[in-house]
All heavy atoms as atom14 arrays in JSON, in Angstrom:
{
  "sequence": "SDPDYDHLTIVPCSAHAEKALKTAEENGVVEYTPGASDFEITGD",
  "atom14_mask": [
    [1, 1, 1, 1, 1, 1, 0, 0, 0, 0, 0, 0, 0, 0],
    [1, 1, 1, 1, 1, 1, 1, 1, 0, 0, 0, 0, 0, 0],
    [1, 1, 1, 1, 1, 1, 1, 0, 0, 0, 0, 0, 0, 0],
    [1, 1, 1, 1, 1, 1, 1, 1, 0, 0, 0, 0, 0, 0],
    [1, 1, 1, 1, 1, 1, 1, 1, 1, 1, 1, 1, 0, 0],
    [1, 1, 1, 1, 1, 1, 1, 1, 0, 0, 0, 0, 0, 0],
    [1, 1, 1, 1, 1, 1, 1, 1, 1, 1, 0, 0, 0, 0],
    [1, 1, 1, 1, 1, 1, 1, 1, 0, 0, 0, 0, 0, 0],
    [1, 1, 1, 1, 1, 1, 1, 0, 0, 0, 0, 0, 0, 0],
    [1, 1, 1, 1, 1, 1, 1, 1, 0, 0, 0, 0, 0, 0],
    [1, 1, 1, 1, 1, 1, 1, 0, 0, 0, 0, 0, 0, 0],
    [1, 1, 1, 1, 1, 1, 1, 0, 0, 0, 0, 0, 0, 0],
    [1, 1, 1, 1, 1, 1, 0, 0, 0, 0, 0, 0, 0, 0],
    [1, 1, 1, 1, 1, 1, 0, 0, 0, 0, 0, 0, 0, 0],
    [1, 1, 1, 1, 1, 0, 0, 0, 0, 0, 0, 0, 0, 0],
    [1, 1, 1, 1, 1, 1, 1, 1, 1, 1, 0, 0, 0, 0],
    [1, 1, 1, 1, 1, 0, 0, 0, 0, 0, 0, 0, 0, 0],
    [1, 1, 1, 1, 1, 1, 1, 1, 1, 0, 0, 0, 0, 0],
    [1, 1, 1, 1, 1, 1, 1, 1, 1, 0, 0, 0, 0, 0],
    [1, 1, 1, 1, 1, 0, 0, 0, 0, 0, 0, 0, 0, 0],
    [1, 1, 1, 1, 1, 1, 1, 1, 0, 0, 0, 0, 0, 0],
    [1, 1, 1, 1, 1, 1, 1, 1, 1, 0, 0, 0, 0, 0],
    [1, 1, 1, 1, 1, 1, 1, 0, 0, 0, 0, 0, 0, 0],
    [1, 1, 1, 1, 1, 0, 0, 0, 0, 0, 0, 0, 0, 0],
    [1, 1, 1, 1, 1, 1, 1, 1, 1, 0, 0, 0, 0, 0],
    [1, 1, 1, 1, 1, 1, 1, 1, 1, 0, 0, 0, 0, 0],
    [1, 1, 1, 1, 1, 1, 1, 1, 0, 0, 0, 0, 0, 0],
    [1, 1, 1, 1, 0, 0, 0, 0, 0, 0, 0, 0, 0, 0],
    [1, 1, 1, 1, 1, 1, 1, 0, 0, 0, 0, 0, 0, 0],
    [1, 1, 1, 1, 1, 1, 1, 0, 0, 0, 0, 0, 0, 0],
    [1, 1, 1, 1, 1, 1, 1, 1, 1, 0, 0, 0, 0, 0],
    [1, 1, 1, 1, 1, 1, 1, 1, 1, 1, 1, 1, 0, 0],
    [1, 1, 1, 1, 1, 1, 1, 0, 0, 0, 0, 0, 0, 0],
    [1, 1, 1, 1, 1, 1, 1, 0, 0, 0, 0, 0, 0, 0],
    [1, 1, 1, 1, 0, 0, 0, 0, 0, 0, 0, 0, 0, 0],
    [1, 1, 1, 1, 1, 0, 0, 0, 0, 0, 0, 0, 0, 0],
    [1, 1, 1, 1, 1, 1, 0, 0, 0, 0, 0, 0, 0, 0],
    [1, 1, 1, 1, 1, 1, 1, 1, 0, 0, 0, 0, 0, 0],
    [1, 1, 1, 1, 1, 1, 1, 1, 1, 1, 1, 0, 0, 0],
    [1, 1, 1, 1, 1, 1, 1, 1, 1, 0, 0, 0, 0, 0],
    [1, 1, 1, 1, 1, 1, 1, 1, 0, 0, 0, 0, 0, 0],
    [1, 1, 1, 1, 1, 1, 1, 0, 0, 0, 0, 0, 0, 0],
    [1, 1, 1, 1, 0, 0, 0, 0, 0, 0, 0, 0, 0, 0],
    [1, 1, 1, 1, 1, 1, 1, 1, 0, 0, 0, 0, 0, 0]
  ],
  "atom14_positions": [
    [[0.89, -1.26, 0.0], [-0.01, 0.02, 0.06], [0.84, 1.28, -0.04], [0.37, 2.37, -0.09], [-0.95, 0.04, 1.25], [-1.78, -1.13, 1.22], [0.0, 0.0, 0.0], [0.0, 0.0, 0.0], [0.0, 0.0, 0.0], [0.0, 0.0, 0.0], [0.0, 0.0, 0.0], [0.0, 0.0, 0.0], [0.0, 0.0, 0.0], [0.0, 0.0, 0.0]],
    [[2.15, 1.13, 0.1], [3.1, 2.25, 0.12], [3.46, 2.63, -1.3], [4.11, 1.81, -2.02], [4.31, 1.81, 0.94], [5.23, 2.93, 1.2], [5.23, 3.98, 0.41], [6.12, 2.9, 2.12], [0.0, 0.0, 0.0], [0.0, 0.0, 0.0], [0.0, 0.0, 0.0], [0.0, 0.0, 0.0], [0.0, 0.0, 0.0], [0.0, 0.0, 0.0]],
    [[3.15, 3.8, -1.72], [3.39, 4.24, -3.13], [4.91, 4.19, -3.49], [5.29, 4.2, -4.6], [2.89, 5.6, -3.2], [2.69, 6.11, -1.84], [2.41, 4.92, -1.0], [0.0, 0.0, 0.0], [0.0, 0.0, 0.0], [0.0, 0.0, 0.0], [0.0, 0.0, 0.0], [0.0, 0.0, 0.0], [0.0, 0.0, 0.0], [0.0, 0.0, 0.0]],
    [[5.69, 4.28, -2.44], [7.17, 4.26, -2.69], [7.67, 2.84, -3.4], [8.81, 2.79, -3.87], [8.03, 4.45, -1.49], [7.92, 5.91, -1.01], [7.58, 6.89, -1.82], [8.2, 6.17, 0.13], [0.0, 0.0, 0.0], [0.0, 0.0, 0.0], [0.0, 0.0, 0.0], [0.0, 0.0, 0.0], [0.0, 0.0, 0.0], [0.0, 0.0, 0.0]],
    [[6.75, 1.86, -3.22], [7.09, 0.58, -3.82], [6.31, 0.14, -4.94], [6.24, -1.09, -5.23], [7.21, -0.46, -2.59], [8.17, -0.07, -1.53], [7.72, 0.78, -0.49], [9.41, -0.47, -1.63], [8.73, 1.3, 0.44], [10.39, -0.05, -0.75], [9.98, 0.8, 0.31], [10.91, 1.18, 1.19], [0.0, 0.0, 0.0], [0.0, 0.0, 0.0]],
    [[5.59, 1.06, -5.48], [4.79, 0.81, -6.65], [5.55, 0.36, -7.92], [5.07, -0.36, -8.74], [4.0, 1.95, -7.08], [2.73, 2.34, -6.11], [2.45, 1.42, -5.32], [2.17, 3.37, -6.22], [0.0, 0.0, 0.0], [0.0, 0.0, 0.0], [0.0, 0.0, 0.0], [0.0, 0.0, 0.0], [0.0, 0.0, 0.0], [0.0, 0.0, 0.0]],
    [[6.83, 0.69, -7.97], [7.62, 0.29, -9.04], [8.04, -1.18, -9.03], [8.59, -1.66, -10.04], [8.94, 1.2, -9.14], [9.91, 0.92, -8.0], [9.64, 1.42, -6.68], [11.1, 0.29, -7.94], [10.67, 1.08, -5.97], [11.58, 0.44, -6.61], [0.0, 0.0, 0.0], [0.0, 0.0, 0.0], [0.0, 0.0, 0.0], [0.0, 0.0, 0.0]],
    [[7.8, -1.85, -7.95], [8.27, -3.2, -7.7], [7.01, -4.18, -7.9], [6.0, -4.0, -7.44], [8.94, -3.43, -6.56], [10.28, -2.86, -6.25], [10.76, -2.95, -4.79], [11.27, -3.53, -7.16], [0.0, 0.0, 0.0], [0.0, 0.0, 0.0], [0.0, 0.0, 0.0], [0.0, 0.0, 0.0], [0.0, 0.0, 0.0], [0.0, 0.0, 0.0]],
    [[7.3, -5.42, -8.48], [6.38, -6.51, -8.45], [6.73, -7.31, -7.12], [7.85, -7.83, -7.05], [6.57, -7.44, -9.73], [6.22, -6.65, -10.79], [5.58, -8.62, -9.55], [0.0, 0.0, 0.0], [0.0, 0.0, 0.0], [0.0, 0.0, 0.0], [0.0, 0.0, 0.0], [0.0, 0.0, 0.0], [0.0, 0.0, 0.0], [0.0, 0.0, 0.0]],
    [[5.78, -7.35, -6.26], [6.01, -8.05, -5.01], [5.09, -9.3, -4.99], [3.85, -9.11, -5.09], [5.71, -7.17, -3.78], [6.58, -5.97, -3.84], [5.94, -7.93, -2.49], [6.41, -4.97, -2.73], [0.0, 0.0, 0.0], [0.0, 0.0, 0.0], [0.0, 0.0, 0.0], [0.0, 0.0, 0.0], [0.0, 0.0, 0.0], [0.0, 0.0, 0.0]],
    [[5.67, -10.5, -4.92], [4.86, -11.77, -4.92], [4.92, -12.43, -3.6], [5.94, -12.74, -3.08], [5.58, -12.74, -5.96], [4.82, -14.08, -6.03], [5.56, -12.11, -7.32], [0.0, 0.0, 0.0], [0.0, 0.0, 0.0], [0.0, 0.0, 0.0], [0.0, 0.0, 0.0], [0.0, 0.0, 0.0], [0.0, 0.0, 0.0], [0.0, 0.0, 0.0]],
    [[3.8, -12.6, -2.93], [3.75, -13.33, -1.66], [4.17, -14.83, -1.81], [3.78, -15.42, -2.81], [2.15, -13.2, -1.29], [1.43, -12.94, -2.51], [2.37, -12.14, -3.43], [0.0, 0.0, 0.0], [0.0, 0.0, 0.0], [0.0, 0.0, 0.0], [0.0, 0.0, 0.0], [0.0, 0.0, 0.0], [0.0, 0.0, 0.0], [0.0, 0.0, 0.0]],
    [[4.96, -15.25, -0.87], [5.63, -16.49, -1.11], [5.95, -17.32, 0.15], [6.16, -16.61, 1.24], [7.05, -16.11, -1.83], [8.1, -17.5, -2.06], [0.0, 0.0, 0.0], [0.0, 0.0, 0.0], [0.0, 0.0, 0.0], [0.0, 0.0, 0.0], [0.0, 0.0, 0.0], [0.0, 0.0, 0.0], [0.0, 0.0, 0.0], [0.0, 0.0, 0.0]],
    [[5.89, -18.56, 0.06], [6.42, -19.42, 1.18], [7.3, -20.48, 0.5], [6.69, -21.5, 0.02], [5.21, -20.02, 2.07], [5.83, -21.04, 2.88], [0.0, 0.0, 0.0], [0.0, 0.0, 0.0], [0.0, 0.0, 0.0], [0.0, 0.0, 0.0], [0.0, 0.0, 0.0], [0.0, 0.0, 0.0], [0.0, 0.0, 0.0], [0.0, 0.0, 0.0]],
    [[8.62, -20.28, 0.41], [9.54, -21.3, -0.01], [9.37, -22.48, 0.73], [9.52, -23.69, 0.17], [10.88, -20.67, -0.02], [0.0, 0.0, 0.0], [0.0, 0.0, 0.0], [0.0, 0.0, 0.0], [0.0, 0.0, 0.0], [0.0, 0.0, 0.0], [0.0, 0.0, 0.0], [0.0, 0.0, 0.0], [0.0, 0.0, 0.0], [0.0, 0.0, 0.0]],
    [[9.2, -22.47, 2.05], [9.07, -23.66, 2.93], [7.88, -24.47, 2.56], [7.95, -25.67, 2.41], [8.76, -23.19, 4.37], [8.41, -24.36, 5.3], [9.38, -25.28, 5.75], [7.23, -24.64, 5.75], [8.69, -26.15, 6.53], [7.39, -25.76, 6.6], [0.0, 0.0, 0.0], [0.0, 0.0, 0.0], [0.0, 0.0, 0.0], [0.0, 0.0, 0.0]],
    [[6.77, -23.85, 2.19], [5.62, -24.61, 1.74], [5.81, -25.36, 0.42], [5.51, -26.58, 0.27], [4.35, -23.72, 1.59], [0.0, 0.0, 0.0], [0.0, 0.0, 0.0], [0.0, 0.0, 0.0], [0.0, 0.0, 0.0], [0.0, 0.0, 0.0], [0.0, 0.0, 0.0], [0.0, 0.0, 0.0], [0.0, 0.0, 0.0], [0.0, 0.0, 0.0]],
    [[6.41, -24.73, -0.54], [6.7, -25.32, -1.82], [7.65, -26.46, -1.69], [7.49, -27.55, -2.26], [7.38, -24.23, -2.82], [7.63, -24.74, -4.1], [6.42, -25.04, -5.06], [5.36, -24.6, -4.57], [6.64, -25.56, -6.17], [0.0, 0.0, 0.0], [0.0, 0.0, 0.0], [0.0, 0.0, 0.0], [0.0, 0.0, 0.0], [0.0, 0.0, 0.0]],
    [[8.76, -26.23, -0.87], [9.69, -27.39, -0.63], [9.05, -28.61, 0.05], [9.26, -29.74, -0.25], [10.83, -26.89, 0.18], [11.94, -27.95, 0.57], [12.72, -28.29, -0.79], [13.78, -29.41, -0.51], [14.73, -28.96, 0.56], [0.0, 0.0, 0.0], [0.0, 0.0, 0.0], [0.0, 0.0, 0.0], [0.0, 0.0, 0.0], [0.0, 0.0, 0.0]],
    [[8.12, -28.26, 0.97], [7.52, -29.37, 1.74], [6.63, -30.15, 0.76], [6.6, -31.37, 0.95], [6.63, -28.77, 2.91], [0.0, 0.0, 0.0], [0.0, 0.0, 0.0], [0.0, 0.0, 0.0], [0.0, 0.0, 0.0], [0.0, 0.0, 0.0], [0.0, 0.0, 0.0], [0.0, 0.0, 0.0], [0.0, 0.0, 0.0], [0.0, 0.0, 0.0]],
    [[5.95, -29.47, -0.08], [4.92, -30.17, -1.03], [5.71, -31.0, -1.96], [5.35, -32.2, -2.27], [4.07, -29.21, -1.73], [2.96, -28.52, -0.92], [2.26, -27.44, -1.77], [1.98, -29.57, -0.47], [0.0, 0.0, 0.0], [0.0, 0.0, 0.0], [0.0, 0.0, 0.0], [0.0, 0.0, 0.0], [0.0, 0.0, 0.0], [0.0, 0.0, 0.0]],
    [[6.79, -30.51, -2.5], [7.52, -31.25, -3.49], [8.23, -32.47, -2.74], [8.38, -33.58, -3.43], [8.66, -30.33, -4.18], [8.01, -29.45, -5.25], [9.12, -28.61, -5.98], [8.49, -27.79, -7.05], [9.63, -26.95, -7.69], [0.0, 0.0, 0.0], [0.0, 0.0, 0.0], [0.0, 0.0, 0.0], [0.0, 0.0, 0.0], [0.0, 0.0, 0.0]],
    [[8.66, -32.29, -1.59], [9.29, -33.45, -0.94], [8.2, -34.53, -0.57], [8.53, -35.67, -0.78], [9.96, -32.94, 0.5], [10.93, -31.96, 0.14], [10.51, -34.07, 1.21], [0.0, 0.0, 0.0], [0.0, 0.0, 0.0], [0.0, 0.0, 0.0], [0.0, 0.0, 0.0], [0.0, 0.0, 0.0], [0.0, 0.0, 0.0], [0.0, 0.0, 0.0]],
    [[7.05, -33.97, -0.14], [5.96, -34.96, 0.02], [5.49, -35.66, -1.22], [5.25, -36.91, -1.15], [4.69, -34.21, 0.62], [0.0, 0.0, 0.0], [0.0, 0.0, 0.0], [0.0, 0.0, 0.0], [0.0, 0.0, 0.0], [0.0, 0.0, 0.0], [0.0, 0.0, 0.0], [0.0, 0.0, 0.0], [0.0, 0.0, 0.0], [0.0, 0.0, 0.0]],
    [[5.55, -35.0, -2.34], [5.23, -35.69, -3.59], [6.31, -36.81, -3.92], [6.05, -37.94, -4.34], [5.03, -34.72, -4.74], [4.65, -35.43, -6.0], [4.62, -34.55, -7.18], [5.53, -33.71, -7.45], [3.59, -34.63, -7.95], [0.0, 0.0, 0.0], [0.0, 0.0, 0.0], [0.0, 0.0, 0.0], [0.0, 0.0, 0.0], [0.0, 0.0, 0.0]],
    [[7.6, -36.38, -3.71], [8.7, -37.35, -3.95], [8.48, -38.61, -3.13], [8.96, -39.71, -3.52], [10.0, -36.72, -3.69], [10.49, -35.77, -4.84], [11.92, -35.32, -4.58], [12.39, -35.52, -3.48], [12.61, -34.85, -5.59], [0.0, 0.0, 0.0], [0.0, 0.0, 0.0], [0.0, 0.0, 0.0], [0.0, 0.0, 0.0], [0.0, 0.0, 0.0]],
    [[8.04, -38.43, -1.88], [7.83, -39.6, -1.06], [6.49, -40.25, -1.23], [6.18, -41.15, -0.41], [7.95, -39.04, 0.48], [9.37, -38.6, 0.71], [10.44, -39.1, 0.12], [9.53, -37.58, 1.67], [0.0, 0.0, 0.0], [0.0, 0.0, 0.0], [0.0, 0.0, 0.0], [0.0, 0.0, 0.0], [0.0, 0.0, 0.0], [0.0, 0.0, 0.0]],
    [[5.73, -39.9, -2.2], [4.42, -40.52, -2.4], [3.38, -40.15, -1.52], [2.36, -40.88, -1.39], [0.0, 0.0, 0.0], [0.0, 0.0, 0.0], [0.0, 0.0, 0.0], [0.0, 0.0, 0.0], [0.0, 0.0, 0.0], [0.0, 0.0, 0.0], [0.0, 0.0, 0.0], [0.0, 0.0, 0.0], [0.0, 0.0, 0.0], [0.0, 0.0, 0.0]],
    [[3.49, -38.97, -0.82], [2.47, -38.62, 0.13], [1.36, -37.83, -0.46], [0.18, -37.85, -0.14], [3.12, -37.89, 1.27], [2.08, -37.44, 2.31], [4.13, -38.74, 2.08], [0.0, 0.0, 0.0], [0.0, 0.0, 0.0], [0.0, 0.0, 0.0], [0.0, 0.0, 0.0], [0.0, 0.0, 0.0], [0.0, 0.0, 0.0], [0.0, 0.0, 0.0]],
    [[1.73, -36.88, -1.42], [0.7, -36.03, -2.13], [0.92, -36.08, -3.61], [1.97, -36.46, -4.07], [0.86, -34.62, -1.6], [0.69, -34.5, -0.02], [2.15, -33.96, -2.06], [0.0, 0.0, 0.0], [0.0, 0.0, 0.0], [0.0, 0.0, 0.0], [0.0, 0.0, 0.0], [0.0, 0.0, 0.0], [0.0, 0.0, 0.0], [0.0, 0.0, 0.0]],
    [[-0.08, -35.65, -4.22], [0.01, -35.43, -5.69], [-0.15, -33.92, -5.83], [-1.07, -33.18, -5.45], [-1.08, -36.06, -6.52], [-0.94, -37.58, -6.73], [-1.95, -38.14, -7.63], [-2.75, -37.33, -8.2], [-1.98, -39.33, -7.78], [0.0, 0.0, 0.0], [0.0, 0.0, 0.0], [0.0, 0.0, 0.0], [0.0, 0.0, 0.0], [0.0, 0.0, 0.0]],
    [[0.97, -33.3, -6.44], [1.15, -31.79, -6.44], [1.75, -31.3, -7.76], [2.82, -31.87, -8.06], [1.92, -31.35, -5.33], [2.24, -29.86, -5.25], [1.31, -28.85, -5.22], [3.6, -29.49, -5.38], [1.58, -27.51, -5.27], [3.92, -28.17, -5.53], [2.93, -27.11, -5.42], [3.24, -25.82, -5.48], [0.0, 0.0, 0.0], [0.0, 0.0, 0.0]],
    [[1.09, -30.43, -8.42], [1.66, -29.69, -9.5], [2.26, -28.44, -9.15], [1.53, -27.56, -8.63], [0.58, -29.5, -10.67], [0.09, -30.73, -11.1], [1.15, -28.87, -11.89], [0.0, 0.0, 0.0], [0.0, 0.0, 0.0], [0.0, 0.0, 0.0], [0.0, 0.0, 0.0], [0.0, 0.0, 0.0], [0.0, 0.0, 0.0], [0.0, 0.0, 0.0]],
    [[3.5, -28.19, -9.3], [4.16, -26.89, -8.89], [3.51, -25.77, -9.39], [2.98, -25.57, -10.52], [5.53, -26.99, -9.47], [5.88, -28.44, -9.6], [4.56, -29.07, -9.94], [0.0, 0.0, 0.0], [0.0, 0.0, 0.0], [0.0, 0.0, 0.0], [0.0, 0.0, 0.0], [0.0, 0.0, 0.0], [0.0, 0.0, 0.0], [0.0, 0.0, 0.0]],
    [[3.07, -24.88, -8.4], [2.39, -23.6, -8.68], [0.99, -23.78, -8.47], [0.21, -22.74, -8.53], [0.0, 0.0, 0.0], [0.0, 0.0, 0.0], [0.0, 0.0, 0.0], [0.0, 0.0, 0.0], [0.0, 0.0, 0.0], [0.0, 0.0, 0.0], [0.0, 0.0, 0.0], [0.0, 0.0, 0.0], [0.0, 0.0, 0.0], [0.0, 0.0, 0.0]],
    [[0.39, -24.93, -8.26], [-1.04, -25.1, -8.08], [-1.56, -24.6, -6.78], [-0.78, -24.43, -5.7], [-1.39, -26.64, -8.23], [0.0, 0.0, 0.0], [0.0, 0.0, 0.0], [0.0, 0.0, 0.0], [0.0, 0.0, 0.0], [0.0, 0.0, 0.0], [0.0, 0.0, 0.0], [0.0, 0.0, 0.0], [0.0, 0.0, 0.0], [0.0, 0.0, 0.0]],
    [[-2.79, -24.33, -6.68], [-3.47, -23.81, -5.58], [-4.08, -24.9, -4.63], [-4.77, -24.52, -3.67], [-4.55, -22.66, -5.85], [-5.47, -23.3, -6.67], [0.0, 0.0, 0.0], [0.0, 0.0, 0.0], [0.0, 0.0, 0.0], [0.0, 0.0, 0.0], [0.0, 0.0, 0.0], [0.0, 0.0, 0.0], [0.0, 0.0, 0.0], [0.0, 0.0, 0.0]],
    [[-3.79, -26.19, -4.91], [-4.33, -27.24, -4.16], [-3.53, -28.41, -4.43], [-2.66, -28.48, -5.42], [-5.85, -27.56, -4.45], [-6.49, -28.29, -3.35], [-5.81, -28.6, -2.27], [-7.69, -28.6, -3.49], [0.0, 0.0, 0.0], [0.0, 0.0, 0.0], [0.0, 0.0, 0.0], [0.0, 0.0, 0.0], [0.0, 0.0, 0.0], [0.0, 0.0, 0.0]],
    [[-3.55, -29.4, -3.58], [-3.0, -30.78, -3.79], [-3.83, -31.89, -3.25], [-4.8, -31.56, -2.5], [-1.61, -30.75, -3.2], [-1.58, -30.4, -1.74], [-1.7, -31.39, -0.74], [-1.54, -29.0, -1.37], [-1.77, -31.08, 0.6], [-1.5, -28.72, 0.04], [-1.7, -29.73, 1.01], [0.0, 0.0, 0.0], [0.0, 0.0, 0.0], [0.0, 0.0, 0.0]],
    [[-3.44, -33.13, -3.52], [-4.34, -34.28, -2.97], [-3.31, -35.16, -2.2], [-2.26, -35.57, -2.62], [-4.87, -35.06, -4.17], [-5.67, -36.25, -3.74], [-6.16, -37.06, -4.87], [-5.97, -36.64, -6.01], [-6.78, -38.08, -4.6], [0.0, 0.0, 0.0], [0.0, 0.0, 0.0], [0.0, 0.0, 0.0], [0.0, 0.0, 0.0], [0.0, 0.0, 0.0]],
    [[-3.78, -35.43, -0.91], [-3.08, -36.39, -0.14], [-3.3, -37.79, -0.63], [-4.48, -38.23, -0.56], [-3.36, -36.21, 1.43], [-3.03, -34.82, 1.87], [-2.73, -37.26, 2.25], [-3.52, -34.6, 3.33], [0.0, 0.0, 0.0], [0.0, 0.0, 0.0], [0.0, 0.0, 0.0], [0.0, 0.0, 0.0], [0.0, 0.0, 0.0], [0.0, 0.0, 0.0]],
    [[-2.17, -38.5, -0.96], [-2.39, -39.9, -1.57], [-1.76, -40.92, -0.69], [-1.92, -42.18, -0.98], [-1.77, -39.87, -2.99], [-0.45, -39.47, -2.83], [-2.54, -39.01, -3.84], [0.0, 0.0, 0.0], [0.0, 0.0, 0.0], [0.0, 0.0, 0.0], [0.0, 0.0, 0.0], [0.0, 0.0, 0.0], [0.0, 0.0, 0.0], [0.0, 0.0, 0.0]],
    [[-1.04, -40.54, 0.3], [-0.32, -41.57, 1.17], [-0.79, -41.44, 2.6], [-1.53, -40.58, 2.97], [0.0, 0.0, 0.0], [0.0, 0.0, 0.0], [0.0, 0.0, 0.0], [0.0, 0.0, 0.0], [0.0, 0.0, 0.0], [0.0, 0.0, 0.0], [0.0, 0.0, 0.0], [0.0, 0.0, 0.0], [0.0, 0.0, 0.0], [0.0, 0.0, 0.0]],
    [[-0.24, -42.32, 3.37], [-0.45, -42.32, 4.79], [0.33, -41.26, 5.53], [1.52, -41.06, 5.26], [-0.13, -43.73, 5.41], [-0.91, -44.8, 4.87], [-2.07, -44.58, 4.52], [-0.46, -45.93, 4.87], [0.0, 0.0, 0.0], [0.0, 0.0, 0.0], [0.0, 0.0, 0.0], [0.0, 0.0, 0.0], [0.0, 0.0, 0.0], [0.0, 0.0, 0.0]]
  ]
}
């Protein structure tokens, strides 16, 4: 909301969440497409 930063594109992010989902998919726990807004739990 600060006009001093209007010149920048600011993207809300959680690198931890992305890493956790990709690791979970590698381990067969979830089905997840990178960048998606949802995922499916497929493992125990």
